[in-house]
PDB file of N, CA and C in Angstrom:
ATOM      1  N   MET A   1     -25.546  95.356 -36.809  1.00  0.00           N
ATOM      2  CA  MET A   1     -24.174  95.599 -36.384  1.00  0.00           C
ATOM      3  C   MET A   1     -24.136  97.047 -35.797  1.00  0.00           C
ATOM      4  N   LYS A   2     -23.378  97.155 -34.672  1.00  0.00           N
ATOM      5  CA  LYS A   2     -23.150  98.406 -34.072  1.00  0.00           C
ATOM      6  C   LYS A   2     -21.772  99.041 -34.515  1.00  0.00           C
ATOM      7  N   TYR A   3     -21.680 100.384 -34.465  1.00  0.00           N
ATOM      8  CA  TYR A   3     -20.500 100.946 -34.790  1.00  0.00           C
ATOM      9  C   TYR A   3     -20.040 101.819 -33.671  1.00  0.00           C
ATOM     10  N   GLN A   4     -18.813 101.537 -33.112  1.00  0.00           N
ATOM     11  CA  GLN A   4     -18.213 102.249 -31.939  1.00  0.00           C
ATOM     12  C   GLN A   4     -17.106 103.220 -32.384  1.00  0.00           C
ATOM     13  N   LEU A   5     -17.181 104.365 -31.904  1.00  0.00           N
ATOM     14  CA  LEU A   5     -16.084 105.360 -32.042  1.00  0.00           C
ATOM     15  C   LEU A   5     -15.207 105.274 -30.849  1.00  0.00           C
ATOM     16  N   VAL A   6     -13.981 104.758 -30.983  1.00  0.00           N
ATOM     17  CA  VAL A   6     -13.050 104.550 -29.928  1.00  0.00           C
ATOM     18  C   VAL A   6     -12.021 105.679 -30.106  1.00  0.00           C
ATOM     19  N   THR A   7     -11.954 106.625 -29.047  1.00  0.00           N
ATOM     20  CA  THR A   7     -11.004 107.733 -29.059  1.00  0.00           C
ATOM     21  C   THR A   7      -9.739 107.423 -28.143  1.00  0.00           C
ATOM     22  N   THR A   8      -8.648 107.643 -28.795  1.00  0.00           N
ATOM     23  CA  THR A   8      -7.374 107.405 -27.955  1.00  0.00           C
ATOM     24  C   THR A   8      -6.545 108.583 -27.939  1.00  0.00           C
ATOM     25  N   GLU A   9      -5.613 108.686 -27.033  1.00  0.00           N
ATOM     26  CA  GLU A   9      -4.660 109.698 -27.013  1.00  0.00           C
ATOM     27  C   GLU A   9      -3.234 109.072 -26.923  1.00  0.00           C
ATOM     28  N   ALA A  10      -2.404 109.570 -27.877  1.00  0.00           N
ATOM     29  CA  ALA A  10      -1.020 108.915 -28.063  1.00  0.00           C
ATOM     30  C   ALA A  10       0.100 109.952 -27.871  1.00  0.00           C
ATOM     31  N   THR A  11       1.205 109.459 -27.372  1.00  0.00           N
ATOM     32  CA  THR A  11       2.395 110.277 -27.302  1.00  0.00           C
ATOM     33  C   THR A  11       3.389 109.731 -28.250  1.00  0.00           C
ATOM     34  N   VAL A  12       3.892 110.517 -29.087  1.00  0.00           N
ATOM     35  CA  VAL A  12       4.937 110.267 -30.064  1.00  0.00           C
ATOM     36  C   VAL A  12       6.051 111.241 -29.801  1.00  0.00           C
ATOM     37  N   TYR A  13       7.190 110.660 -29.726  1.00  0.00           N
ATOM     38  CA  TYR A  13       8.435 111.473 -29.634  1.00  0.00           C
ATOM     39  C   TYR A  13       9.209 111.448 -30.967  1.00  0.00           C
ATOM     40  N   ALA A  14       9.394 112.699 -31.472  1.00  0.00           N
ATOM     41  CA  ALA A  14      10.106 112.800 -32.683  1.00  0.00           C
ATOM     42  C   ALA A  14      11.491 113.424 -32.489  1.00  0.00           C
ATOM     43  N   ARG A  15      12.493 112.987 -33.250  1.00  0.00           N
ATOM     44  CA  ARG A  15      13.852 113.555 -33.064  1.00  0.00           C
ATOM     45  C   ARG A  15      14.294 113.950 -34.481  1.00  0.00           C
ATOM     46  N   TYR A  16      15.023 115.073 -34.477  1.00  0.00           N
ATOM     47  CA  TYR A  16      15.526 115.682 -35.691  1.00  0.00           C
ATOM     48  C   TYR A  16      17.062 115.938 -35.557  1.00  0.00           C
ATOM     49  N   LEU A  17      17.783 115.658 -36.592  1.00  0.00           N
ATOM     50  CA  LEU A  17      19.166 115.892 -36.640  1.00  0.00           C
ATOM     51  C   LEU A  17      19.453 117.274 -37.340  1.00  0.00           C
ATOM     52  N   VAL A  18      19.903 118.237 -36.696  1.00  0.00           N
ATOM     53  CA  VAL A  18      20.090 119.558 -37.338  1.00  0.00           C
ATOM     54  C   VAL A  18      21.537 119.988 -37.219  1.00  0.00           C
ATOM     55  N   ALA A  19      22.111 120.378 -38.310  1.00  0.00           N
ATOM     56  CA  ALA A  19      23.449 120.841 -38.317  1.00  0.00           C
ATOM     57  C   ALA A  19      23.465 122.368 -38.090  1.00  0.00           C
ATOM     58  N   ILE A  20      24.340 122.846 -37.148  1.00  0.00           N
ATOM     59  CA  ILE A  20      24.540 124.278 -37.034  1.00  0.00           C
ATOM     60  C   ILE A  20      26.061 124.624 -37.046  1.00  0.00           C
ATOM     61  N   GLU A  21      26.375 125.779 -37.326  1.00  0.00           N
ATOM     62  CA  GLU A  21      27.848 126.164 -37.393  1.00  0.00           C
ATOM     63  C   GLU A  21      28.327 126.266 -35.955  1.00  0.00           C
ATOM     64  N   ASP A  22      29.654 126.139 -35.754  1.00  0.00           N
ATOM     65  CA  ASP A  22      30.187 126.124 -34.380  1.00  0.00           C
ATOM     66  C   ASP A  22      29.812 127.392 -33.616  1.00  0.00           C
ATOM     67  N   ASP A  23      29.780 128.542 -34.228  1.00  0.00           N
ATOM     68  CA  ASP A  23      29.483 129.751 -33.563  1.00  0.00           C
ATOM     69  C   ASP A  23      28.008 130.176 -33.580  1.00  0.00           C
ATOM     70  N   GLN A  24      27.191 129.222 -34.148  1.00  0.00           N
ATOM     71  CA  GLN A  24      25.772 129.546 -34.259  1.00  0.00           C
ATOM     72  C   GLN A  24      24.935 129.236 -32.928  1.00  0.00           C
ATOM     73  N   ASN A  25      23.892 129.916 -32.758  1.00  0.00           N
ATOM     74  CA  ASN A  25      23.108 129.730 -31.563  1.00  0.00           C
ATOM     75  C   ASN A  25      22.302 128.516 -31.628  1.00  0.00           C
ATOM     76  N   GLU A  26      22.272 127.679 -30.562  1.00  0.00           N
ATOM     77  CA  GLU A  26      21.553 126.448 -30.599  1.00  0.00           C
ATOM     78  C   GLU A  26      20.060 126.647 -30.827  1.00  0.00           C
ATOM     79  N   GLN A  27      19.476 127.723 -30.470  1.00  0.00           N
ATOM     80  CA  GLN A  27      18.140 127.960 -30.693  1.00  0.00           C
ATOM     81  C   GLN A  27      17.758 127.993 -32.202  1.00  0.00           C
ATOM     82  N   ASP A  28      18.704 128.227 -32.993  1.00  0.00           N
ATOM     83  CA  ASP A  28      18.468 128.112 -34.506  1.00  0.00           C
ATOM     84  C   ASP A  28      18.117 126.818 -34.897  1.00  0.00           C
ATOM     85  N   ALA A  29      18.633 125.748 -34.291  1.00  0.00           N
ATOM     86  CA  ALA A  29      18.193 124.403 -34.547  1.00  0.00           C
ATOM     87  C   ALA A  29      16.843 124.089 -34.150  1.00  0.00           C
ATOM     88  N   VAL A  30      16.388 124.648 -33.055  1.00  0.00           N
ATOM     89  CA  VAL A  30      14.944 124.445 -32.640  1.00  0.00           C
ATOM     90  C   VAL A  30      14.102 125.179 -33.465  1.00  0.00           C
ATOM     91  N   GLU A  31      14.374 126.422 -33.835  1.00  0.00           N
ATOM     92  CA  GLU A  31      13.496 127.185 -34.818  1.00  0.00           C
ATOM     93  C   GLU A  31      13.410 126.426 -36.241  1.00  0.00           C
ATOM     94  N   ALA A  32      14.493 125.838 -36.636  1.00  0.00           N
ATOM     95  CA  ALA A  32      14.394 125.146 -37.939  1.00  0.00           C
ATOM     96  C   ALA A  32      13.521 123.950 -37.892  1.00  0.00           C
ATOM     97  N   VAL A  33      13.410 123.264 -36.774  1.00  0.00           N
ATOM     98  CA  VAL A  33      12.513 122.161 -36.625  1.00  0.00           C
ATOM     99  C   VAL A  33      11.051 122.689 -36.647  1.00  0.00           C
ATOM    100  N   PHE A  34      10.798 123.727 -35.853  1.00  0.00           N
ATOM    101  CA  PHE A  34       9.428 124.156 -35.655  1.00  0.00           C
ATOM    102  C   PHE A  34       8.931 124.933 -36.886  1.00  0.00           C
ATOM    103  N   MET A  35       9.831 125.423 -37.740  1.00  0.00           N
ATOM    104  CA  MET A  35       9.484 126.008 -39.014  1.00  0.00           C
ATOM    105  C   MET A  35       9.313 125.012 -40.199  1.00  0.00           C
ATOM    106  N   GLY A  36       9.522 123.742 -39.847  1.00  0.00           N
ATOM    107  CA  GLY A  36       9.391 122.678 -40.861  1.00  0.00           C
ATOM    108  C   GLY A  36      10.431 122.623 -41.864  1.00  0.00           C
ATOM    109  N   GLU A  37      11.654 123.107 -41.539  1.00  0.00           N
ATOM    110  CA  GLU A  37      12.745 123.146 -42.418  1.00  0.00           C
ATOM    111  C   GLU A  37      13.641 121.865 -42.410  1.00  0.00           C
ATOM    112  N   VAL A  38      13.305 121.008 -41.478  1.00  0.00           N
ATOM    113  CA  VAL A  38      14.176 119.878 -41.200  1.00  0.00           C
ATOM    114  C   VAL A  38      13.333 118.522 -41.339  1.00  0.00           C
ATOM    115  N   ASP A  39      13.890 117.552 -41.984  1.00  0.00           N
ATOM    116  CA  ASP A  39      13.163 116.206 -42.083  1.00  0.00           C
ATOM    117  C   ASP A  39      13.386 115.513 -40.736  1.00  0.00           C
ATOM    118  N   GLN A  40      12.366 114.713 -40.449  1.00  0.00           N
ATOM    119  CA  GLN A  40      12.448 113.979 -39.147  1.00  0.00           C
ATOM    120  C   GLN A  40      13.588 112.899 -39.263  1.00  0.00           C
ATOM    121  N   PHE A  41      14.257 112.758 -38.150  1.00  0.00           N
ATOM    122  CA  PHE A  41      15.428 111.793 -38.096  1.00  0.00           C
ATOM    123  C   PHE A  41      14.980 110.504 -37.544  1.00  0.00           C
ATOM    124  N   ASP A  42      14.086 110.506 -36.545  1.00  0.00           N
ATOM    125  CA  ASP A  42      13.705 109.337 -35.947  1.00  0.00           C
ATOM    126  C   ASP A  42      12.419 109.621 -35.099  1.00  0.00           C
ATOM    127  N   ASP A  43      11.615 108.597 -34.869  1.00  0.00           N
ATOM    128  CA  ASP A  43      10.460 108.790 -33.969  1.00  0.00           C
ATOM    129  C   ASP A  43      10.229 107.551 -33.043  1.00  0.00           C
ATOM    130  N   GLU A  44       9.568 107.708 -32.006  1.00  0.00           N
ATOM    131  CA  GLU A  44       9.194 106.588 -31.200  1.00  0.00           C
ATOM    132  C   GLU A  44       7.795 106.766 -30.582  1.00  0.00           C
ATOM    133  N   PHE A  45       6.981 105.792 -30.867  1.00  0.00           N
ATOM    134  CA  PHE A  45       5.605 105.721 -30.423  1.00  0.00           C
ATOM    135  C   PHE A  45       5.631 105.258 -28.911  1.00  0.00           C
ATOM    136  N   SER A  46       5.243 106.070 -27.966  1.00  0.00           N
ATOM    137  CA  SER A  46       5.380 105.827 -26.613  1.00  0.00           C
ATOM    138  C   SER A  46       4.274 105.010 -26.058  1.00  0.00           C
ATOM    139  N   CYS A  47       3.035 105.653 -26.027  1.00  0.00           N
ATOM    140  CA  CYS A  47       1.884 104.852 -25.436  1.00  0.00           C
ATOM    141  C   CYS A  47       0.621 105.348 -26.073  1.00  0.00           C
ATOM    142  N   GLU A  48      -0.494 104.610 -25.919  1.00  0.00           N
ATOM    143  CA  GLU A  48      -1.763 105.053 -26.371  1.00  0.00           C
ATOM    144  C   GLU A  48      -2.798 104.633 -25.324  1.00  0.00           C
ATOM    145  N   ASP A  49      -3.520 105.688 -24.881  1.00  0.00           N
ATOM    146  CA  ASP A  49      -4.426 105.489 -23.735  1.00  0.00           C
ATOM    147  C   ASP A  49      -5.984 105.759 -24.295  1.00  0.00           C
ATOM    148  N   LEU A  50      -6.874 104.948 -23.740  1.00  0.00           N
ATOM    149  CA  LEU A  50      -8.188 105.123 -24.138  1.00  0.00           C
ATOM    150  C   LEU A  50      -8.774 106.365 -23.448  1.00  0.00           C
ATOM    151  N   VAL A  51      -9.397 107.207 -24.366  1.00  0.00           N
ATOM    152  CA  VAL A  51     -10.013 108.374 -23.820  1.00  0.00           C
ATOM    153  C   VAL A  51     -11.576 108.211 -23.701  1.00  0.00           C
ATOM    154  N   ASP A  52     -12.223 107.500 -24.736  1.00  0.00           N
ATOM    155  CA  ASP A  52     -13.621 107.344 -24.681  1.00  0.00           C
ATOM    156  C   ASP A  52     -13.985 106.274 -25.777  1.00  0.00           C
ATOM    157  N   ASN A  53     -15.161 105.729 -25.612  1.00  0.00           N
ATOM    158  CA  ASN A  53     -15.773 105.052 -26.664  1.00  0.00           C
ATOM    159  C   ASN A  53     -17.221 105.117 -26.615  1.00  0.00           C
ATOM    160  N   GLU A  54     -17.849 105.188 -27.826  1.00  0.00           N
ATOM    161  CA  GLU A  54     -19.387 105.464 -27.822  1.00  0.00           C
ATOM    162  C   GLU A  54     -19.946 104.795 -29.048  1.00  0.00           C
ATOM    163  N   THR A  55     -21.154 104.273 -28.962  1.00  0.00           N
ATOM    164  CA  THR A  55     -21.911 103.737 -30.091  1.00  0.00           C
ATOM    165  C   THR A  55     -22.445 104.890 -30.977  1.00  0.00           C
ATOM    166  N   LEU A  56     -22.195 104.867 -32.257  1.00  0.00           N
ATOM    167  CA  LEU A  56     -22.588 106.119 -33.086  1.00  0.00           C
ATOM    168  C   LEU A  56     -23.883 105.576 -33.927  1.00  0.00           C
ATOM    169  N   THR A  57     -24.725 106.551 -34.243  1.00  0.00           N
ATOM    170  CA  THR A  57     -25.872 106.363 -35.107  1.00  0.00           C
ATOM    171  C   THR A  57     -25.347 106.541 -36.526  1.00  0.00           C
ATOM    172  N   ASP A  58     -26.115 106.187 -37.467  1.00  0.00           N
ATOM    173  CA  ASP A  58     -25.733 106.428 -38.917  1.00  0.00           C
ATOM    174  C   ASP A  58     -25.508 107.912 -39.114  1.00  0.00           C
ATOM    175  N   GLU A  59     -26.340 108.748 -38.528  1.00  0.00           N
ATOM    176  CA  GLU A  59     -26.226 110.156 -38.887  1.00  0.00           C
ATOM    177  C   GLU A  59     -24.888 110.674 -38.296  1.00  0.00           C
ATOM    178  N   GLU A  60     -24.452 110.139 -37.089  1.00  0.00           N
ATOM    179  CA  GLU A  60     -23.312 110.560 -36.469  1.00  0.00           C
ATOM    180  C   GLU A  60     -22.083 110.119 -37.228  1.00  0.00           C
ATOM    181  N   ILE A  61     -22.118 108.912 -37.813  1.00  0.00           N
ATOM    182  CA  ILE A  61     -21.093 108.361 -38.662  1.00  0.00           C
ATOM    183  C   ILE A  61     -20.916 109.321 -39.791  1.00  0.00           C
ATOM    184  N   LEU A  62     -21.928 109.679 -40.501  1.00  0.00           N
ATOM    185  CA  LEU A  62     -21.818 110.527 -41.678  1.00  0.00           C
ATOM    186  C   LEU A  62     -21.225 111.952 -41.306  1.00  0.00           C
ATOM    187  N   ARG A  63     -21.739 112.436 -40.140  1.00  0.00           N
ATOM    188  CA  ARG A  63     -21.298 113.779 -39.714  1.00  0.00           C
ATOM    189  C   ARG A  63     -19.781 113.750 -39.479  1.00  0.00           C
ATOM    190  N   LEU A  64     -19.334 112.692 -38.796  1.00  0.00           N
ATOM    191  CA  LEU A  64     -17.880 112.670 -38.515  1.00  0.00           C
ATOM    192  C   LEU A  64     -17.021 112.306 -39.639  1.00  0.00           C
ATOM    193  N   ALA A  65     -17.541 111.576 -40.631  1.00  0.00           N
ATOM    194  CA  ALA A  65     -16.800 111.275 -41.798  1.00  0.00           C
ATOM    195  C   ALA A  65     -16.444 112.577 -42.612  1.00  0.00           C
ATOM    196  N   LYS A  66     -17.249 113.569 -42.467  1.00  0.00           N
ATOM    197  CA  LYS A  66     -16.922 114.833 -43.210  1.00  0.00           C
ATOM    198  C   LYS A  66     -15.581 115.430 -42.878  1.00  0.00           C
ATOM    199  N   TRP A  67     -15.034 115.031 -41.781  1.00  0.00           N
ATOM    200  CA  TRP A  67     -13.778 115.552 -41.349  1.00  0.00           C
ATOM    201  C   TRP A  67     -12.625 114.588 -41.519  1.00  0.00           C
ATOM    202  N   THR A  68     -12.880 113.627 -42.330  1.00  0.00           N
ATOM    203  CA  THR A  68     -11.836 112.577 -42.748  1.00  0.00           C
ATOM    204  C   THR A  68     -11.724 112.335 -44.219  1.00  0.00           C
ATOM    205  N   HIS A  69     -10.815 111.420 -44.566  1.00  0.00           N
ATOM    206  CA  HIS A  69     -10.739 111.051 -45.961  1.00  0.00           C
ATOM    207  C   HIS A  69     -11.919 110.420 -46.542  1.00  0.00           C
ATOM    208  N   MET A  70     -12.894 110.090 -45.730  1.00  0.00           N
ATOM    209  CA  MET A  70     -14.176 109.447 -46.114  1.00  0.00           C
ATOM    210  C   MET A  70     -15.215 110.451 -46.497  1.00  0.00           C
ATOM    211  N   ASP A  71     -14.882 111.749 -46.500  1.00  0.00           N
ATOM    212  CA  ASP A  71     -15.884 112.845 -46.879  1.00  0.00           C
ATOM    213  C   ASP A  71     -16.397 112.553 -48.252  1.00  0.00           C
ATOM    214  N   GLY A  72     -17.747 112.522 -48.347  1.00  0.00           N
ATOM    215  CA  GLY A  72     -18.430 112.260 -49.639  1.00  0.00           C
ATOM    216  C   GLY A  72     -18.678 110.799 -49.872  1.00  0.00           C
ATOM    217  N   TRP A  73     -18.264 109.914 -49.058  1.00  0.00           N
ATOM    218  CA  TRP A  73     -18.491 108.489 -49.229  1.00  0.00           C
ATOM    219  C   TRP A  73     -19.976 108.272 -48.741  1.00  0.00           C
ATOM    220  N   SER A  74     -20.578 107.202 -49.281  1.00  0.00           N
ATOM    221  CA  SER A  74     -21.931 106.821 -48.786  1.00  0.00           C
ATOM    222  C   SER A  74     -21.823 106.082 -47.466  1.00  0.00           C
ATOM    223  N   LEU A  75     -22.919 106.029 -46.810  1.00  0.00           N
ATOM    224  CA  LEU A  75     -22.811 105.291 -45.532  1.00  0.00           C
ATOM    225  C   LEU A  75     -22.425 103.808 -45.689  1.00  0.00           C
ATOM    226  N   ASN A  76     -23.007 103.120 -46.691  1.00  0.00           N
ATOM    227  CA  ASN A  76     -22.646 101.853 -46.974  1.00  0.00           C
ATOM    228  C   ASN A  76     -21.242 101.629 -47.288  1.00  0.00           C
ATOM    229  N   THR A  77     -20.615 102.552 -48.012  1.00  0.00           N
ATOM    230  CA  THR A  77     -19.179 102.454 -48.371  1.00  0.00           C
ATOM    231  C   THR A  77     -18.414 102.524 -47.138  1.00  0.00           C
ATOM    232  N   ILE A  78     -18.676 103.511 -46.225  1.00  0.00           N
ATOM    233  CA  ILE A  78     -18.026 103.733 -44.980  1.00  0.00           C
ATOM    234  C   ILE A  78     -18.055 102.397 -44.158  1.00  0.00           C
ATOM    235  N   LYS A  79     -19.301 101.793 -44.017  1.00  0.00           N
ATOM    236  CA  LYS A  79     -19.441 100.653 -43.212  1.00  0.00           C
ATOM    237  C   LYS A  79     -18.644  99.468 -43.857  1.00  0.00           C
ATOM    238  N   GLU A  80     -18.622  99.277 -45.136  1.00  0.00           N
ATOM    239  CA  GLU A  80     -17.889  98.241 -45.821  1.00  0.00           C
ATOM    240  C   GLU A  80     -16.461  98.361 -45.584  1.00  0.00           C
ATOM    241  N   ALA A  81     -15.891  99.616 -45.454  1.00  0.00           N
ATOM    242  CA  ALA A  81     -14.516  99.853 -45.210  1.00  0.00           C
ATOM    243  C   ALA A  81     -14.161  99.789 -43.724  1.00  0.00           C
ATOM    244  N   THR A  82     -15.058  99.576 -42.881  1.00  0.00           N
ATOM    245  CA  THR A  82     -14.739  99.587 -41.532  1.00  0.00           C
ATOM    246  C   THR A  82     -14.399  98.145 -41.008  1.00  0.00           C
ATOM    247  N   VAL A  83     -13.293  98.128 -40.295  1.00  0.00           N
ATOM    248  CA  VAL A  83     -12.884  96.850 -39.680  1.00  0.00           C
ATOM    249  C   VAL A  83     -13.776  96.343 -38.644  1.00  0.00           C
ATOM    250  N   VAL A  84     -14.165  95.040 -38.768  1.00  0.00           N
ATOM    251  CA  VAL A  84     -15.000  94.295 -37.824  1.00  0.00           C
ATOM    252  C   VAL A  84     -14.199  93.685 -36.774  1.00  0.00           C
ATOM    253  N   ALA A  85     -14.340  94.011 -35.561  1.00  0.00           N
ATOM    254  CA  ALA A  85     -13.436  93.614 -34.429  1.00  0.00           C
ATOM    255  C   ALA A  85     -13.679  92.076 -34.208  1.00  0.00           C
ATOM    256  N   GLU A  86     -12.695  91.402 -33.839  1.00  0.00           N
ATOM    257  CA  GLU A  86     -12.892  89.974 -33.505  1.00  0.00           C
ATOM    258  C   GLU A  86     -13.383  89.835 -32.134  1.00  0.00           C
ATOM    259  N   ARG A  87     -14.173  88.804 -31.897  1.00  0.00           N
ATOM    260  CA  ARG A  87     -14.755  88.534 -30.500  1.00  0.00           C
ATOM    261  C   ARG A  87     -13.686  88.131 -29.575  1.00  0.00           C
ATOM    262  N   ASP A  88     -13.847  88.588 -28.365  1.00  0.00           N
ATOM    263  CA  ASP A  88     -12.907  88.134 -27.309  1.00  0.00           C
ATOM    264  C   ASP A  88     -13.104  86.672 -27.057  1.00  0.00           C
ATOM    265  N   PRO A  89     -12.132  85.789 -27.173  1.00  0.00           N
ATOM    266  CA  PRO A  89     -12.369  84.370 -27.041  1.00  0.00           C
ATOM    267  C   PRO A  89     -12.794  83.866 -25.651  1.00  0.00           C
ATOM    268  N   VAL A  90     -12.824  84.646 -24.650  1.00  0.00           N
ATOM    269  CA  VAL A  90     -13.146  84.238 -23.274  1.00  0.00           C
ATOM    270  C   VAL A  90     -14.584  84.068 -23.168  1.00  0.00           C
TER     271      VAL A  90
END
């Protein structure tokens, strides 16, 4: 079995509902969002584009896993947890 690393880039739009006083500067609402003081109100997943895909060696799989929740997992455990793609019926 081969293991492919498929890299995509996505655009997500997030909206926040922020209350400000009538005489308060609108920039205060923007700053509250960027400072993490406001919970997200709504989001919209716009699109996902393919950036790259490549076949990985076992060593590359283990090296990349160190930067994920799979850090410390054995190679066999990682492979067992990996989704097997369905064949294109054509």
